[in-house]
N, C-alpha and C. Protein backbone atom coordinates (compact mmCIF):
# COMPACT_ATOMS: atom_id res chain seq x y z
N UNK A 1 51.48 72.27 19.86
CA UNK A 1 52.43 73.31 19.52
C UNK A 1 52.80 73.18 18.05
N UNK A 2 52.97 74.32 17.43
CA UNK A 2 53.33 74.38 16.01
C UNK A 2 54.74 73.83 15.80
N UNK A 3 54.91 73.13 14.71
CA UNK A 3 56.23 72.64 14.33
C UNK A 3 56.89 73.67 13.41
N UNK A 4 58.06 74.11 13.76
CA UNK A 4 58.76 75.11 12.96
C UNK A 4 59.56 74.41 11.87
N UNK A 5 59.34 74.83 10.63
CA UNK A 5 60.02 74.25 9.49
C UNK A 5 61.17 75.10 8.99
N UNK A 6 61.07 76.42 9.25
CA UNK A 6 62.09 77.35 8.74
C UNK A 6 62.30 78.46 9.76
N UNK A 7 63.51 78.55 10.28
CA UNK A 7 63.87 79.54 11.30
C UNK A 7 64.85 80.53 10.70
N UNK A 8 64.59 81.81 10.96
CA UNK A 8 65.49 82.88 10.51
C UNK A 8 66.24 83.41 11.72
N UNK A 9 67.56 83.48 11.58
CA UNK A 9 68.40 84.02 12.64
C UNK A 9 69.18 85.22 12.10
N UNK A 10 68.72 86.44 12.39
CA UNK A 10 69.49 87.62 12.00
C UNK A 10 70.65 87.82 12.97
N UNK A 11 71.81 88.19 12.46
CA UNK A 11 72.98 88.37 13.33
C UNK A 11 73.78 89.60 12.94
N UNK A 12 74.32 90.25 13.95
CA UNK A 12 75.30 91.33 13.72
C UNK A 12 76.68 90.85 14.15
N UNK A 13 76.81 89.56 14.43
CA UNK A 13 78.05 88.90 14.84
C UNK A 13 78.53 89.38 16.21
N UNK A 14 77.68 89.98 16.98
CA UNK A 14 78.04 90.44 18.33
C UNK A 14 77.94 89.28 19.32
N UNK A 15 78.52 89.43 20.51
CA UNK A 15 78.37 88.40 21.54
C UNK A 15 76.89 88.17 21.91
N UNK A 16 76.09 89.21 21.84
CA UNK A 16 74.66 89.05 22.14
C UNK A 16 74.00 88.16 21.09
N UNK A 17 74.33 88.38 19.83
CA UNK A 17 73.79 87.54 18.76
C UNK A 17 74.30 86.10 18.89
N UNK A 18 75.56 85.96 19.25
CA UNK A 18 76.14 84.63 19.43
C UNK A 18 75.40 83.86 20.52
N UNK A 19 75.05 84.55 21.60
CA UNK A 19 74.28 83.93 22.67
C UNK A 19 72.90 83.49 22.16
N UNK A 20 72.24 84.34 21.39
CA UNK A 20 70.92 84.01 20.85
C UNK A 20 71.00 82.85 19.86
N UNK A 21 72.14 82.73 19.18
CA UNK A 21 72.28 81.66 18.19
C UNK A 21 72.12 80.28 18.82
N UNK A 22 72.54 80.13 20.06
CA UNK A 22 72.35 78.85 20.75
C UNK A 22 70.89 78.42 20.76
N UNK A 23 70.00 79.38 20.96
CA UNK A 23 68.56 79.09 20.95
C UNK A 23 68.09 78.72 19.54
N UNK A 24 68.52 79.49 18.55
CA UNK A 24 68.12 79.21 17.18
C UNK A 24 68.59 77.83 16.74
N UNK A 25 69.83 77.50 17.07
CA UNK A 25 70.39 76.22 16.68
C UNK A 25 69.67 75.07 17.36
N UNK A 26 69.42 75.20 18.65
CA UNK A 26 68.72 74.13 19.38
C UNK A 26 67.31 73.93 18.85
N UNK A 27 66.60 75.01 18.56
CA UNK A 27 65.25 74.88 18.00
C UNK A 27 65.29 74.25 16.62
N UNK A 28 66.26 74.62 15.80
CA UNK A 28 66.39 74.01 14.48
C UNK A 28 66.67 72.51 14.60
N UNK A 29 67.52 72.15 15.54
CA UNK A 29 67.80 70.72 15.76
C UNK A 29 66.54 69.97 16.20
N UNK A 30 65.87 70.51 17.20
CA UNK A 30 64.69 69.81 17.76
C UNK A 30 63.57 69.64 16.75
N UNK A 31 63.37 70.64 15.91
CA UNK A 31 62.27 70.58 14.95
C UNK A 31 62.71 70.09 13.57
N UNK A 32 64.00 69.86 13.38
CA UNK A 32 64.49 69.47 12.06
C UNK A 32 64.24 70.59 11.05
N UNK A 33 64.32 71.81 11.52
CA UNK A 33 64.00 72.97 10.69
C UNK A 33 65.19 73.44 9.87
N UNK A 34 64.88 74.08 8.78
CA UNK A 34 65.89 74.78 7.99
C UNK A 34 66.26 76.04 8.75
N UNK A 35 67.54 76.38 8.78
CA UNK A 35 68.02 77.56 9.51
C UNK A 35 68.68 78.52 8.53
N UNK A 36 68.09 79.71 8.42
CA UNK A 36 68.66 80.76 7.57
C UNK A 36 69.30 81.80 8.46
N UNK A 37 70.57 82.09 8.20
CA UNK A 37 71.31 83.09 8.97
C UNK A 37 71.46 84.32 8.08
N UNK A 38 71.13 85.48 8.62
CA UNK A 38 71.12 86.71 7.84
C UNK A 38 71.92 87.80 8.54
N UNK A 39 72.82 88.42 7.79
CA UNK A 39 73.52 89.60 8.28
C UNK A 39 73.16 90.76 7.37
N UNK A 40 72.77 91.87 7.98
CA UNK A 40 72.40 93.06 7.21
C UNK A 40 73.47 94.12 7.40
N UNK A 41 74.07 94.54 6.30
CA UNK A 41 75.00 95.67 6.33
C UNK A 41 74.13 96.92 6.36
N UNK A 42 74.22 97.65 7.44
CA UNK A 42 73.33 98.78 7.68
C UNK A 42 73.64 99.92 6.71
N UNK A 43 72.76 100.13 5.75
CA UNK A 43 72.98 101.20 4.78
C UNK A 43 72.73 102.58 5.37
N UNK A 44 72.19 102.63 6.58
CA UNK A 44 71.98 103.92 7.24
C UNK A 44 73.28 104.46 7.83
N UNK A 45 74.26 103.56 8.02
CA UNK A 45 75.55 103.99 8.56
C UNK A 45 76.31 104.72 7.46
N UNK A 46 76.38 106.01 7.56
CA UNK A 46 76.98 106.84 6.52
C UNK A 46 78.41 107.19 6.93
N UNK A 47 79.35 106.62 6.23
CA UNK A 47 80.76 106.85 6.54
C UNK A 47 81.34 108.06 5.82
N UNK A 48 80.54 108.69 4.97
CA UNK A 48 81.07 109.80 4.17
C UNK A 48 81.46 111.00 5.02
N UNK A 49 80.93 111.12 6.22
CA UNK A 49 81.26 112.26 7.07
C UNK A 49 82.59 112.11 7.78
N UNK A 50 83.19 110.92 7.71
CA UNK A 50 84.47 110.68 8.36
C UNK A 50 85.61 110.93 7.38
N UNK A 51 86.69 111.44 7.89
CA UNK A 51 87.86 111.66 7.05
C UNK A 51 88.67 110.38 7.03
N UNK A 52 88.76 109.80 5.86
CA UNK A 52 89.55 108.59 5.67
C UNK A 52 90.56 108.89 4.58
N UNK A 53 91.75 109.29 4.96
CA UNK A 53 92.73 109.69 3.95
C UNK A 53 93.05 108.56 2.97
N UNK A 54 93.14 108.92 1.71
CA UNK A 54 93.56 108.01 0.65
C UNK A 54 92.61 106.83 0.44
N UNK A 55 91.39 106.94 0.95
CA UNK A 55 90.42 105.87 0.73
C UNK A 55 89.16 106.44 0.09
N UNK A 56 88.71 105.80 -0.93
CA UNK A 56 87.45 106.19 -1.56
C UNK A 56 86.31 105.54 -0.79
N UNK A 57 85.23 106.28 -0.66
CA UNK A 57 84.06 105.76 0.06
C UNK A 57 83.61 104.43 -0.54
N UNK A 58 83.62 104.32 -1.85
CA UNK A 58 83.18 103.10 -2.52
C UNK A 58 84.07 101.92 -2.13
N UNK A 59 85.37 102.18 -1.94
CA UNK A 59 86.28 101.11 -1.55
C UNK A 59 86.00 100.65 -0.12
N UNK A 60 85.73 101.60 0.77
CA UNK A 60 85.39 101.25 2.15
C UNK A 60 84.12 100.41 2.17
N UNK A 61 83.13 100.82 1.39
CA UNK A 61 81.87 100.09 1.31
C UNK A 61 82.11 98.66 0.78
N UNK A 62 82.93 98.53 -0.24
CA UNK A 62 83.25 97.20 -0.80
C UNK A 62 84.00 96.35 0.21
N UNK A 63 84.92 96.95 0.96
CA UNK A 63 85.67 96.22 1.98
C UNK A 63 84.75 95.72 3.10
N UNK A 64 83.78 96.55 3.48
CA UNK A 64 82.82 96.14 4.51
C UNK A 64 82.02 94.93 4.02
N UNK A 65 81.56 94.98 2.78
CA UNK A 65 80.79 93.87 2.22
C UNK A 65 81.63 92.59 2.15
N UNK A 66 82.86 92.72 1.73
CA UNK A 66 83.76 91.55 1.65
C UNK A 66 83.99 90.96 3.03
N UNK A 67 84.25 91.82 4.01
CA UNK A 67 84.47 91.34 5.38
C UNK A 67 83.22 90.65 5.92
N UNK A 68 82.05 91.20 5.65
CA UNK A 68 80.80 90.61 6.12
C UNK A 68 80.57 89.23 5.51
N UNK A 69 80.87 89.10 4.22
CA UNK A 69 80.72 87.78 3.58
C UNK A 69 81.69 86.76 4.18
N UNK A 70 82.90 87.20 4.45
CA UNK A 70 83.89 86.29 5.07
C UNK A 70 83.45 85.88 6.48
N UNK A 71 82.93 86.84 7.23
CA UNK A 71 82.45 86.52 8.57
C UNK A 71 81.29 85.52 8.50
N UNK A 72 80.40 85.70 7.53
CA UNK A 72 79.27 84.78 7.37
C UNK A 72 79.77 83.39 6.99
N UNK A 73 80.72 83.31 6.08
CA UNK A 73 81.27 82.01 5.68
C UNK A 73 81.89 81.29 6.88
N UNK A 74 82.66 82.02 7.67
CA UNK A 74 83.28 81.42 8.86
C UNK A 74 82.22 81.00 9.87
N UNK A 75 81.23 81.84 10.05
CA UNK A 75 80.15 81.53 11.00
C UNK A 75 79.45 80.24 10.59
N UNK A 76 79.06 80.15 9.32
CA UNK A 76 78.33 78.98 8.83
C UNK A 76 79.21 77.72 8.85
N UNK A 77 80.49 77.88 8.59
CA UNK A 77 81.40 76.73 8.61
C UNK A 77 81.53 76.14 10.01
N UNK A 78 81.29 76.95 11.03
CA UNK A 78 81.41 76.48 12.41
C UNK A 78 80.14 75.86 12.98
N UNK A 79 79.08 75.81 12.20
CA UNK A 79 77.81 75.25 12.69
C UNK A 79 77.87 73.74 12.67
N UNK A 80 77.59 73.14 13.81
CA UNK A 80 77.59 71.68 13.92
C UNK A 80 76.22 71.21 14.38
N UNK A 81 75.87 70.02 13.96
CA UNK A 81 74.64 69.42 14.45
C UNK A 81 73.46 69.52 13.50
N UNK A 82 73.55 70.38 12.49
CA UNK A 82 72.52 70.43 11.45
C UNK A 82 73.19 70.68 10.11
N UNK A 83 72.60 70.13 9.08
CA UNK A 83 73.14 70.32 7.73
C UNK A 83 72.30 71.30 6.93
N UNK A 84 71.06 71.50 7.34
CA UNK A 84 70.13 72.31 6.58
C UNK A 84 70.19 73.77 7.02
N UNK A 85 71.26 74.45 6.62
CA UNK A 85 71.41 75.86 6.96
C UNK A 85 72.11 76.61 5.82
N UNK A 86 71.84 77.92 5.76
CA UNK A 86 72.50 78.75 4.78
C UNK A 86 72.65 80.15 5.35
N UNK A 87 73.64 80.86 4.85
CA UNK A 87 73.88 82.22 5.29
C UNK A 87 73.74 83.20 4.15
N UNK A 88 73.33 84.42 4.48
CA UNK A 88 73.19 85.46 3.46
C UNK A 88 73.61 86.79 4.06
N UNK A 89 74.20 87.62 3.22
CA UNK A 89 74.57 88.99 3.60
C UNK A 89 73.87 89.92 2.61
N UNK A 90 73.12 90.88 3.16
CA UNK A 90 72.43 91.86 2.33
C UNK A 90 72.71 93.25 2.88
N UNK A 91 72.46 94.26 2.07
CA UNK A 91 72.55 95.65 2.52
C UNK A 91 71.15 96.20 2.64
N UNK A 92 70.95 97.05 3.65
CA UNK A 92 69.65 97.66 3.82
C UNK A 92 69.47 98.21 5.22
N UNK A 93 68.25 98.57 5.52
CA UNK A 93 67.89 98.99 6.87
C UNK A 93 67.62 97.69 7.62
N UNK A 94 68.34 97.43 8.73
CA UNK A 94 68.27 96.11 9.35
C UNK A 94 66.86 95.56 9.58
N UNK A 95 66.00 96.29 10.27
CA UNK A 95 64.68 95.71 10.56
C UNK A 95 63.89 95.45 9.28
N UNK A 96 63.99 96.33 8.30
CA UNK A 96 63.26 96.15 7.04
C UNK A 96 63.79 94.94 6.27
N UNK A 97 65.09 94.76 6.25
CA UNK A 97 65.68 93.61 5.55
C UNK A 97 65.31 92.30 6.23
N UNK A 98 65.29 92.30 7.55
CA UNK A 98 64.91 91.09 8.29
C UNK A 98 63.45 90.74 8.00
N UNK A 99 62.58 91.73 8.05
CA UNK A 99 61.16 91.50 7.79
C UNK A 99 60.94 91.03 6.35
N UNK A 100 61.66 91.63 5.41
CA UNK A 100 61.53 91.22 4.00
C UNK A 100 61.98 89.77 3.83
N UNK A 101 63.09 89.40 4.46
CA UNK A 101 63.57 88.01 4.36
C UNK A 101 62.56 87.04 4.97
N UNK A 102 61.98 87.41 6.09
CA UNK A 102 61.00 86.54 6.75
C UNK A 102 59.80 86.30 5.83
N UNK A 103 59.35 87.35 5.16
CA UNK A 103 58.19 87.22 4.27
C UNK A 103 58.56 86.44 3.00
N UNK A 104 59.68 86.80 2.39
CA UNK A 104 60.08 86.17 1.13
C UNK A 104 60.39 84.69 1.29
N UNK A 105 60.93 84.33 2.45
CA UNK A 105 61.34 82.94 2.67
C UNK A 105 60.28 82.12 3.40
N UNK A 106 59.14 82.72 3.69
CA UNK A 106 58.05 82.05 4.39
C UNK A 106 58.55 81.41 5.70
N UNK A 107 59.19 82.23 6.51
CA UNK A 107 59.79 81.79 7.77
C UNK A 107 58.70 81.53 8.83
N UNK A 108 58.89 80.51 9.65
CA UNK A 108 57.94 80.18 10.72
C UNK A 108 58.30 80.84 12.04
N UNK A 109 59.58 81.18 12.23
CA UNK A 109 60.05 81.73 13.50
C UNK A 109 61.32 82.55 13.24
N UNK A 110 61.41 83.69 13.92
CA UNK A 110 62.63 84.50 13.90
C UNK A 110 63.21 84.43 15.31
N UNK A 111 64.49 84.12 15.41
CA UNK A 111 65.19 84.10 16.70
C UNK A 111 66.31 85.13 16.61
N UNK A 112 66.28 86.10 17.52
CA UNK A 112 67.30 87.15 17.46
C UNK A 112 67.65 87.67 18.84
N UNK A 113 68.86 88.17 18.95
CA UNK A 113 69.31 88.79 20.19
C UNK A 113 68.78 90.21 20.29
N UNK A 114 68.70 90.68 21.51
CA UNK A 114 68.32 92.07 21.74
C UNK A 114 69.29 92.66 22.75
N UNK A 115 69.68 93.90 22.51
CA UNK A 115 70.64 94.56 23.39
C UNK A 115 70.02 95.02 24.68
N UNK A 116 68.69 95.05 24.74
CA UNK A 116 68.00 95.41 25.98
C UNK A 116 68.21 96.84 26.41
N UNK A 117 68.31 97.76 25.45
CA UNK A 117 68.48 99.17 25.80
C UNK A 117 67.19 99.71 26.41
N UNK A 118 67.33 100.67 27.29
CA UNK A 118 66.17 101.29 27.91
C UNK A 118 66.41 102.79 28.04
N UNK A 119 65.36 103.50 28.35
CA UNK A 119 65.47 104.92 28.62
C UNK A 119 66.00 105.71 27.45
N UNK A 120 66.93 106.62 27.73
CA UNK A 120 67.47 107.52 26.71
C UNK A 120 68.17 106.75 25.60
N UNK A 121 68.92 105.70 25.94
CA UNK A 121 69.59 104.91 24.91
C UNK A 121 68.58 104.36 23.92
N UNK A 122 67.45 103.86 24.43
CA UNK A 122 66.42 103.29 23.56
C UNK A 122 65.83 104.38 22.66
N UNK A 123 65.58 105.55 23.23
CA UNK A 123 65.03 106.65 22.44
C UNK A 123 65.99 107.10 21.35
N UNK A 124 67.28 107.15 21.67
CA UNK A 124 68.28 107.61 20.70
C UNK A 124 68.56 106.58 19.62
N UNK A 125 68.68 105.33 20.01
CA UNK A 125 69.13 104.31 19.07
C UNK A 125 68.01 103.43 18.52
N UNK A 126 66.85 103.43 19.17
CA UNK A 126 65.76 102.58 18.71
C UNK A 126 66.10 101.13 18.93
N UNK A 127 65.28 100.27 18.39
CA UNK A 127 65.52 98.85 18.59
C UNK A 127 65.11 98.08 17.35
N UNK A 128 66.09 97.46 16.72
CA UNK A 128 65.80 96.60 15.57
C UNK A 128 64.88 95.47 16.01
N UNK A 129 65.19 94.85 17.14
CA UNK A 129 64.37 93.74 17.62
C UNK A 129 62.93 94.18 17.87
N UNK A 130 62.76 95.35 18.44
CA UNK A 130 61.40 95.84 18.72
C UNK A 130 60.62 96.01 17.43
N UNK A 131 61.24 96.56 16.41
CA UNK A 131 60.56 96.75 15.13
C UNK A 131 60.24 95.42 14.47
N UNK A 132 61.14 94.47 14.59
CA UNK A 132 60.89 93.14 14.02
C UNK A 132 59.72 92.49 14.75
N UNK A 133 59.71 92.55 16.07
CA UNK A 133 58.61 91.97 16.84
C UNK A 133 57.28 92.60 16.44
N UNK A 134 57.29 93.91 16.30
CA UNK A 134 56.06 94.64 16.00
C UNK A 134 55.47 94.27 14.64
N UNK A 135 56.31 94.04 13.63
CA UNK A 135 55.80 93.88 12.26
C UNK A 135 56.04 92.50 11.65
N UNK A 136 56.59 91.57 12.37
CA UNK A 136 56.92 90.26 11.80
C UNK A 136 55.67 89.48 11.40
N UNK A 137 55.80 88.72 10.32
CA UNK A 137 54.69 87.89 9.87
C UNK A 137 54.61 86.54 10.60
N UNK A 138 55.48 86.36 11.59
CA UNK A 138 55.56 85.10 12.31
C UNK A 138 56.00 85.38 13.75
N UNK A 139 55.98 84.38 14.62
CA UNK A 139 56.48 84.59 15.98
C UNK A 139 57.96 84.97 15.99
N UNK A 140 58.35 85.75 17.01
CA UNK A 140 59.74 86.19 17.17
C UNK A 140 60.17 85.85 18.59
N UNK A 141 61.28 85.15 18.70
CA UNK A 141 61.89 84.87 20.01
C UNK A 141 63.07 85.82 20.16
N UNK A 142 62.98 86.72 21.13
CA UNK A 142 64.10 87.62 21.40
C UNK A 142 64.85 87.11 22.61
N UNK A 143 66.16 87.13 22.53
CA UNK A 143 67.02 86.61 23.59
C UNK A 143 67.87 87.75 24.13
N UNK A 144 67.71 88.00 25.42
CA UNK A 144 68.48 89.07 26.07
C UNK A 144 69.87 88.55 26.42
N UNK A 145 70.81 89.47 26.61
CA UNK A 145 72.16 89.07 27.02
C UNK A 145 72.11 88.31 28.35
N UNK A 146 73.06 87.46 28.56
CA UNK A 146 73.10 86.64 29.78
C UNK A 146 73.16 87.48 31.05
N UNK A 147 73.87 88.61 31.02
CA UNK A 147 74.09 89.39 32.23
C UNK A 147 72.99 90.40 32.51
N UNK A 148 71.93 90.46 31.72
CA UNK A 148 70.85 91.44 31.92
C UNK A 148 69.78 90.89 32.82
């Protein structure tokens, strides 16, 4: 079996991602791998169509980025059992940003949660995990929610 040296864990900070993180962390521990945690601020989410009185769109965007960085700092501060980890927050299209990070960082494995949508929900919302699996330059471990 291949030894994983660098694991990428994309997160949206949801309970599903938190569940998947257990797998990423355990694999990083077992293989002594570097663990990169990535949060992508979805640039496709356009807030300009919403009425936000007395708020500039640019300020909302800056507040989202600040909150995401704080969430990443808190997330990384709570990691125990490995020292070789780092977190990053980027803006972009989630699947494209994850794939770019995997290529740029020469990642051996991507571990990510999947919401497990099916049918009409899947058609309407698509699947970041599915796109990552389809185009990743390395193996991808997808973790479904516990109750699915």
